N, C-alpha and C. Protein backbone atom coordinates (compact mmCIF):
# COMPACT_ATOMS: atom_id res chain seq x y z
N MET A 1 27.95 195.81 188.87
CA MET A 1 29.05 196.63 189.34
C MET A 1 29.43 197.63 188.24
N SER A 2 29.63 198.87 188.63
CA SER A 2 30.01 199.87 187.64
C SER A 2 31.53 199.96 187.55
N ARG A 3 32.00 200.41 186.42
CA ARG A 3 33.44 200.56 186.23
C ARG A 3 34.03 201.68 187.06
N THR A 4 33.24 202.68 187.37
CA THR A 4 33.72 203.83 188.13
C THR A 4 33.57 203.66 189.63
N GLY A 5 32.78 202.71 190.06
CA GLY A 5 32.50 202.53 191.48
C GLY A 5 31.29 203.32 191.94
N ALA A 6 30.69 204.12 191.03
CA ALA A 6 29.52 204.92 191.37
C ALA A 6 28.24 204.13 191.12
N LEU A 7 27.16 204.54 191.79
CA LEU A 7 25.88 203.86 191.61
C LEU A 7 25.35 204.04 190.20
N GLU A 8 24.77 202.98 189.68
CA GLU A 8 24.09 203.03 188.39
C GLU A 8 22.60 202.87 188.65
N ARG A 9 21.78 203.03 187.61
CA ARG A 9 20.34 202.88 187.76
C ARG A 9 20.04 201.48 188.28
N ALA A 10 19.21 201.40 189.33
CA ALA A 10 18.92 200.12 189.98
C ALA A 10 17.80 199.37 189.28
N ARG A 11 17.76 198.09 189.50
CA ARG A 11 16.64 197.26 189.06
C ARG A 11 15.61 197.22 190.18
N HIS A 12 14.43 196.71 189.89
CA HIS A 12 13.30 196.85 190.81
C HIS A 12 13.08 195.67 191.76
N GLY A 13 13.94 194.69 191.80
CA GLY A 13 13.68 193.48 192.58
C GLY A 13 13.45 193.72 194.06
N ALA A 14 14.33 194.44 194.72
CA ALA A 14 14.19 194.68 196.17
C ALA A 14 12.93 195.50 196.46
N ALA A 15 12.66 196.51 195.63
CA ALA A 15 11.48 197.34 195.83
C ALA A 15 10.20 196.51 195.63
N TYR A 16 10.19 195.66 194.63
CA TYR A 16 9.02 194.81 194.38
C TYR A 16 8.73 193.93 195.60
N PHE A 17 9.77 193.30 196.10
CA PHE A 17 9.61 192.42 197.26
C PHE A 17 9.13 193.21 198.48
N ALA A 18 9.74 194.37 198.72
CA ALA A 18 9.37 195.18 199.88
C ALA A 18 7.95 195.72 199.78
N LEU A 19 7.53 196.13 198.59
CA LEU A 19 6.17 196.62 198.41
C LEU A 19 5.13 195.52 198.62
N ARG A 20 5.43 194.33 198.14
CA ARG A 20 4.49 193.21 198.25
C ARG A 20 4.37 192.67 199.67
N THR A 21 5.47 192.68 200.42
CA THR A 21 5.48 192.03 201.73
C THR A 21 5.49 192.97 202.91
N GLY A 22 5.92 194.22 202.72
CA GLY A 22 6.00 195.16 203.82
C GLY A 22 7.20 194.95 204.73
N VAL A 23 8.20 194.19 204.27
CA VAL A 23 9.38 193.93 205.09
C VAL A 23 10.19 195.22 205.28
N PRO A 24 10.90 195.34 206.40
CA PRO A 24 11.75 196.51 206.60
C PRO A 24 12.98 196.44 205.69
N ILE A 25 13.50 197.61 205.34
CA ILE A 25 14.69 197.71 204.48
C ILE A 25 15.82 198.33 205.30
N LEU A 26 16.97 197.71 205.25
CA LEU A 26 18.16 198.22 205.93
C LEU A 26 19.15 198.66 204.85
N PRO A 27 19.29 199.98 204.62
CA PRO A 27 20.24 200.43 203.59
C PRO A 27 21.68 200.28 204.07
N VAL A 28 22.51 199.70 203.22
CA VAL A 28 23.92 199.47 203.54
C VAL A 28 24.76 199.94 202.36
N ALA A 29 25.80 200.72 202.66
CA ALA A 29 26.72 201.22 201.63
C ALA A 29 28.11 200.69 201.92
N ILE A 30 28.79 200.19 200.90
CA ILE A 30 30.16 199.68 201.02
C ILE A 30 31.05 200.47 200.09
N THR A 31 32.13 201.03 200.61
CA THR A 31 33.08 201.78 199.78
C THR A 31 34.46 201.13 199.86
N GLY A 32 35.24 201.36 198.82
CA GLY A 32 36.60 200.84 198.76
C GLY A 32 36.73 199.55 197.97
N THR A 33 35.63 199.01 197.48
CA THR A 33 35.68 197.72 196.78
C THR A 33 36.41 197.80 195.44
N GLU A 34 36.41 199.00 194.82
CA GLU A 34 37.06 199.13 193.51
C GLU A 34 38.58 198.98 193.61
N LYS A 35 39.13 199.12 194.81
CA LYS A 35 40.57 198.99 195.01
C LYS A 35 40.96 197.66 195.64
N ALA A 36 39.99 196.86 196.02
CA ALA A 36 40.26 195.64 196.78
C ALA A 36 41.12 194.64 196.01
N TYR A 37 40.79 194.41 194.75
CA TYR A 37 41.53 193.40 193.98
C TYR A 37 42.99 193.77 193.82
N SER A 38 43.27 195.03 193.50
CA SER A 38 44.67 195.44 193.33
C SER A 38 45.44 195.37 194.65
N GLU A 39 44.76 195.63 195.75
CA GLU A 39 45.43 195.50 197.05
C GLU A 39 45.74 194.03 197.36
N TRP A 40 44.81 193.14 197.09
CA TRP A 40 45.05 191.71 197.32
C TRP A 40 46.20 191.21 196.45
N ARG A 41 46.26 191.70 195.22
CA ARG A 41 47.36 191.27 194.33
C ARG A 41 48.72 191.66 194.88
N ARG A 42 48.79 192.77 195.59
CA ARG A 42 50.05 193.21 196.20
C ARG A 42 50.21 192.69 197.62
N LEU A 43 49.39 191.71 197.97
CA LEU A 43 49.41 191.07 199.29
C LEU A 43 49.17 192.05 200.42
N ARG A 44 48.31 193.01 200.16
CA ARG A 44 47.91 193.99 201.17
C ARG A 44 46.43 193.80 201.47
N ARG A 45 46.09 194.08 202.69
CA ARG A 45 44.69 193.97 203.08
C ARG A 45 43.94 195.21 202.59
N PRO A 46 42.87 195.04 201.82
CA PRO A 46 42.12 196.20 201.32
C PRO A 46 41.37 196.89 202.46
N ARG A 47 41.19 198.19 202.33
CA ARG A 47 40.46 198.96 203.32
C ARG A 47 39.05 199.22 202.78
N LEU A 48 38.08 198.56 203.39
CA LEU A 48 36.69 198.71 203.01
C LEU A 48 35.94 199.42 204.14
N THR A 49 34.93 200.17 203.77
CA THR A 49 34.10 200.84 204.76
C THR A 49 32.66 200.43 204.54
N VAL A 50 32.01 200.00 205.61
CA VAL A 50 30.60 199.63 205.56
C VAL A 50 29.83 200.64 206.41
N THR A 51 28.83 201.27 205.79
CA THR A 51 28.00 202.25 206.49
C THR A 51 26.57 201.74 206.47
N ILE A 52 25.95 201.68 207.64
CA ILE A 52 24.59 201.15 207.77
C ILE A 52 23.66 202.30 208.16
N GLY A 53 22.59 202.45 207.40
CA GLY A 53 21.62 203.51 207.65
C GLY A 53 20.46 203.01 208.50
N PRO A 54 19.53 203.90 208.81
CA PRO A 54 18.37 203.50 209.60
C PRO A 54 17.39 202.64 208.80
N VAL A 55 16.74 201.72 209.48
CA VAL A 55 15.74 200.85 208.87
C VAL A 55 14.52 201.69 208.49
N PHE A 56 13.92 201.38 207.34
CA PHE A 56 12.69 202.05 206.93
C PHE A 56 11.81 201.05 206.20
N ARG A 57 10.57 201.44 206.01
CA ARG A 57 9.61 200.60 205.28
C ARG A 57 8.98 201.40 204.15
N LEU A 58 8.65 200.70 203.09
CA LEU A 58 7.86 201.28 202.01
C LEU A 58 6.41 200.94 202.30
N PRO A 59 5.47 201.77 201.84
CA PRO A 59 4.06 201.43 202.06
C PRO A 59 3.71 200.14 201.31
N ARG A 60 3.01 199.25 201.98
CA ARG A 60 2.68 197.96 201.38
C ARG A 60 1.67 198.11 200.26
N CYS A 61 1.90 197.35 199.20
CA CYS A 61 1.04 197.40 198.01
C CYS A 61 0.20 196.13 197.98
N GLN A 62 -1.11 196.27 198.03
CA GLN A 62 -2.00 195.11 198.09
C GLN A 62 -2.24 194.46 196.74
N ASP A 63 -2.38 195.24 195.69
CA ASP A 63 -2.81 194.71 194.40
C ASP A 63 -1.67 194.48 193.42
N GLY A 64 -0.46 194.33 193.90
CA GLY A 64 0.67 194.18 193.00
C GLY A 64 1.26 195.54 192.70
N ALA A 65 2.54 195.58 192.52
CA ALA A 65 3.22 196.86 192.31
C ALA A 65 3.04 197.33 190.88
N ARG A 66 2.53 198.53 190.71
CA ARG A 66 2.43 199.14 189.39
C ARG A 66 3.80 199.69 189.02
N SER A 67 4.04 199.86 187.76
CA SER A 67 5.38 200.24 187.30
C SER A 67 5.83 201.59 187.85
N GLU A 68 4.94 202.58 187.90
CA GLU A 68 5.36 203.89 188.42
C GLU A 68 5.61 203.85 189.92
N GLN A 69 4.81 203.09 190.65
CA GLN A 69 5.03 202.92 192.09
C GLN A 69 6.33 202.16 192.34
N LEU A 70 6.58 201.17 191.52
CA LEU A 70 7.80 200.38 191.64
C LEU A 70 9.04 201.24 191.37
N ALA A 71 8.97 202.09 190.37
CA ALA A 71 10.09 202.98 190.05
C ALA A 71 10.34 203.96 191.18
N ARG A 72 9.27 204.53 191.77
CA ARG A 72 9.44 205.46 192.90
C ARG A 72 10.05 204.76 194.10
N ALA A 73 9.59 203.55 194.38
CA ALA A 73 10.11 202.80 195.53
C ALA A 73 11.58 202.44 195.32
N THR A 74 11.94 202.05 194.11
CA THR A 74 13.34 201.73 193.81
C THR A 74 14.21 202.96 194.00
N ASP A 75 13.76 204.11 193.51
CA ASP A 75 14.52 205.34 193.67
C ASP A 75 14.66 205.74 195.14
N GLU A 76 13.61 205.52 195.93
CA GLU A 76 13.67 205.83 197.36
C GLU A 76 14.74 204.98 198.05
N ILE A 77 14.76 203.70 197.76
CA ILE A 77 15.77 202.81 198.34
C ILE A 77 17.17 203.28 197.95
N MET A 78 17.36 203.56 196.68
CA MET A 78 18.68 203.95 196.20
C MET A 78 19.10 205.33 196.72
N ARG A 79 18.16 206.25 196.88
CA ARG A 79 18.51 207.56 197.45
C ARG A 79 18.99 207.42 198.89
N ARG A 80 18.38 206.51 199.63
CA ARG A 80 18.81 206.29 201.02
C ARG A 80 20.20 205.65 201.08
N ILE A 81 20.49 204.77 200.14
CA ILE A 81 21.84 204.20 200.08
C ILE A 81 22.83 205.27 199.64
N ALA A 82 22.47 206.06 198.64
CA ALA A 82 23.35 207.12 198.15
C ALA A 82 23.68 208.13 199.24
N ALA A 83 22.74 208.40 200.13
CA ALA A 83 22.98 209.35 201.22
C ALA A 83 24.07 208.86 202.17
N LEU A 84 24.33 207.57 202.18
CA LEU A 84 25.37 207.00 203.04
C LEU A 84 26.75 207.03 202.39
N LEU A 85 26.80 207.36 201.11
CA LEU A 85 28.04 207.31 200.33
C LEU A 85 28.65 208.70 200.16
N PRO A 86 29.99 208.76 199.96
CA PRO A 86 30.60 210.02 199.56
C PRO A 86 30.07 210.44 198.18
N LEU A 87 30.14 211.72 197.86
CA LEU A 87 29.58 212.24 196.60
C LEU A 87 30.07 211.51 195.37
N GLU A 88 31.34 211.15 195.32
CA GLU A 88 31.90 210.53 194.10
C GLU A 88 31.34 209.12 193.84
N TYR A 89 30.69 208.52 194.83
CA TYR A 89 30.13 207.18 194.67
C TYR A 89 28.62 207.21 194.35
N ARG A 90 27.97 208.35 194.44
CA ARG A 90 26.53 208.42 194.31
C ARG A 90 26.01 208.23 192.89
N GLY A 91 26.78 208.49 191.91
CA GLY A 91 26.40 208.26 190.51
C GLY A 91 25.10 208.92 190.14
N VAL A 92 24.17 208.15 189.54
CA VAL A 92 22.91 208.71 189.06
C VAL A 92 21.99 209.15 190.20
N TYR A 93 22.29 208.77 191.42
CA TYR A 93 21.47 209.14 192.57
C TYR A 93 22.08 210.29 193.36
N GLY A 94 23.04 211.00 192.78
CA GLY A 94 23.76 212.08 193.45
C GLY A 94 23.07 213.37 193.51
């Protein structure tokens, strides 16, 4: 979790799994979480927004994911999530 609520550079776990197995990816963006704790402390219900994008697949990798392919796949996943977010939340993927 970032202190600003904006996206930070992602790790490669989801991309590695998707490249190896060919499973579909469902990008989901959640906004409003940075204010949730303070709202709960004031006994108010926090307002969160969940945005779901279209399902997509990465090309399946037969021989194991190489580092450059893994980095490209990770960036592709994160760009699709960033597209679902307002500009101020996109961070390094803006």
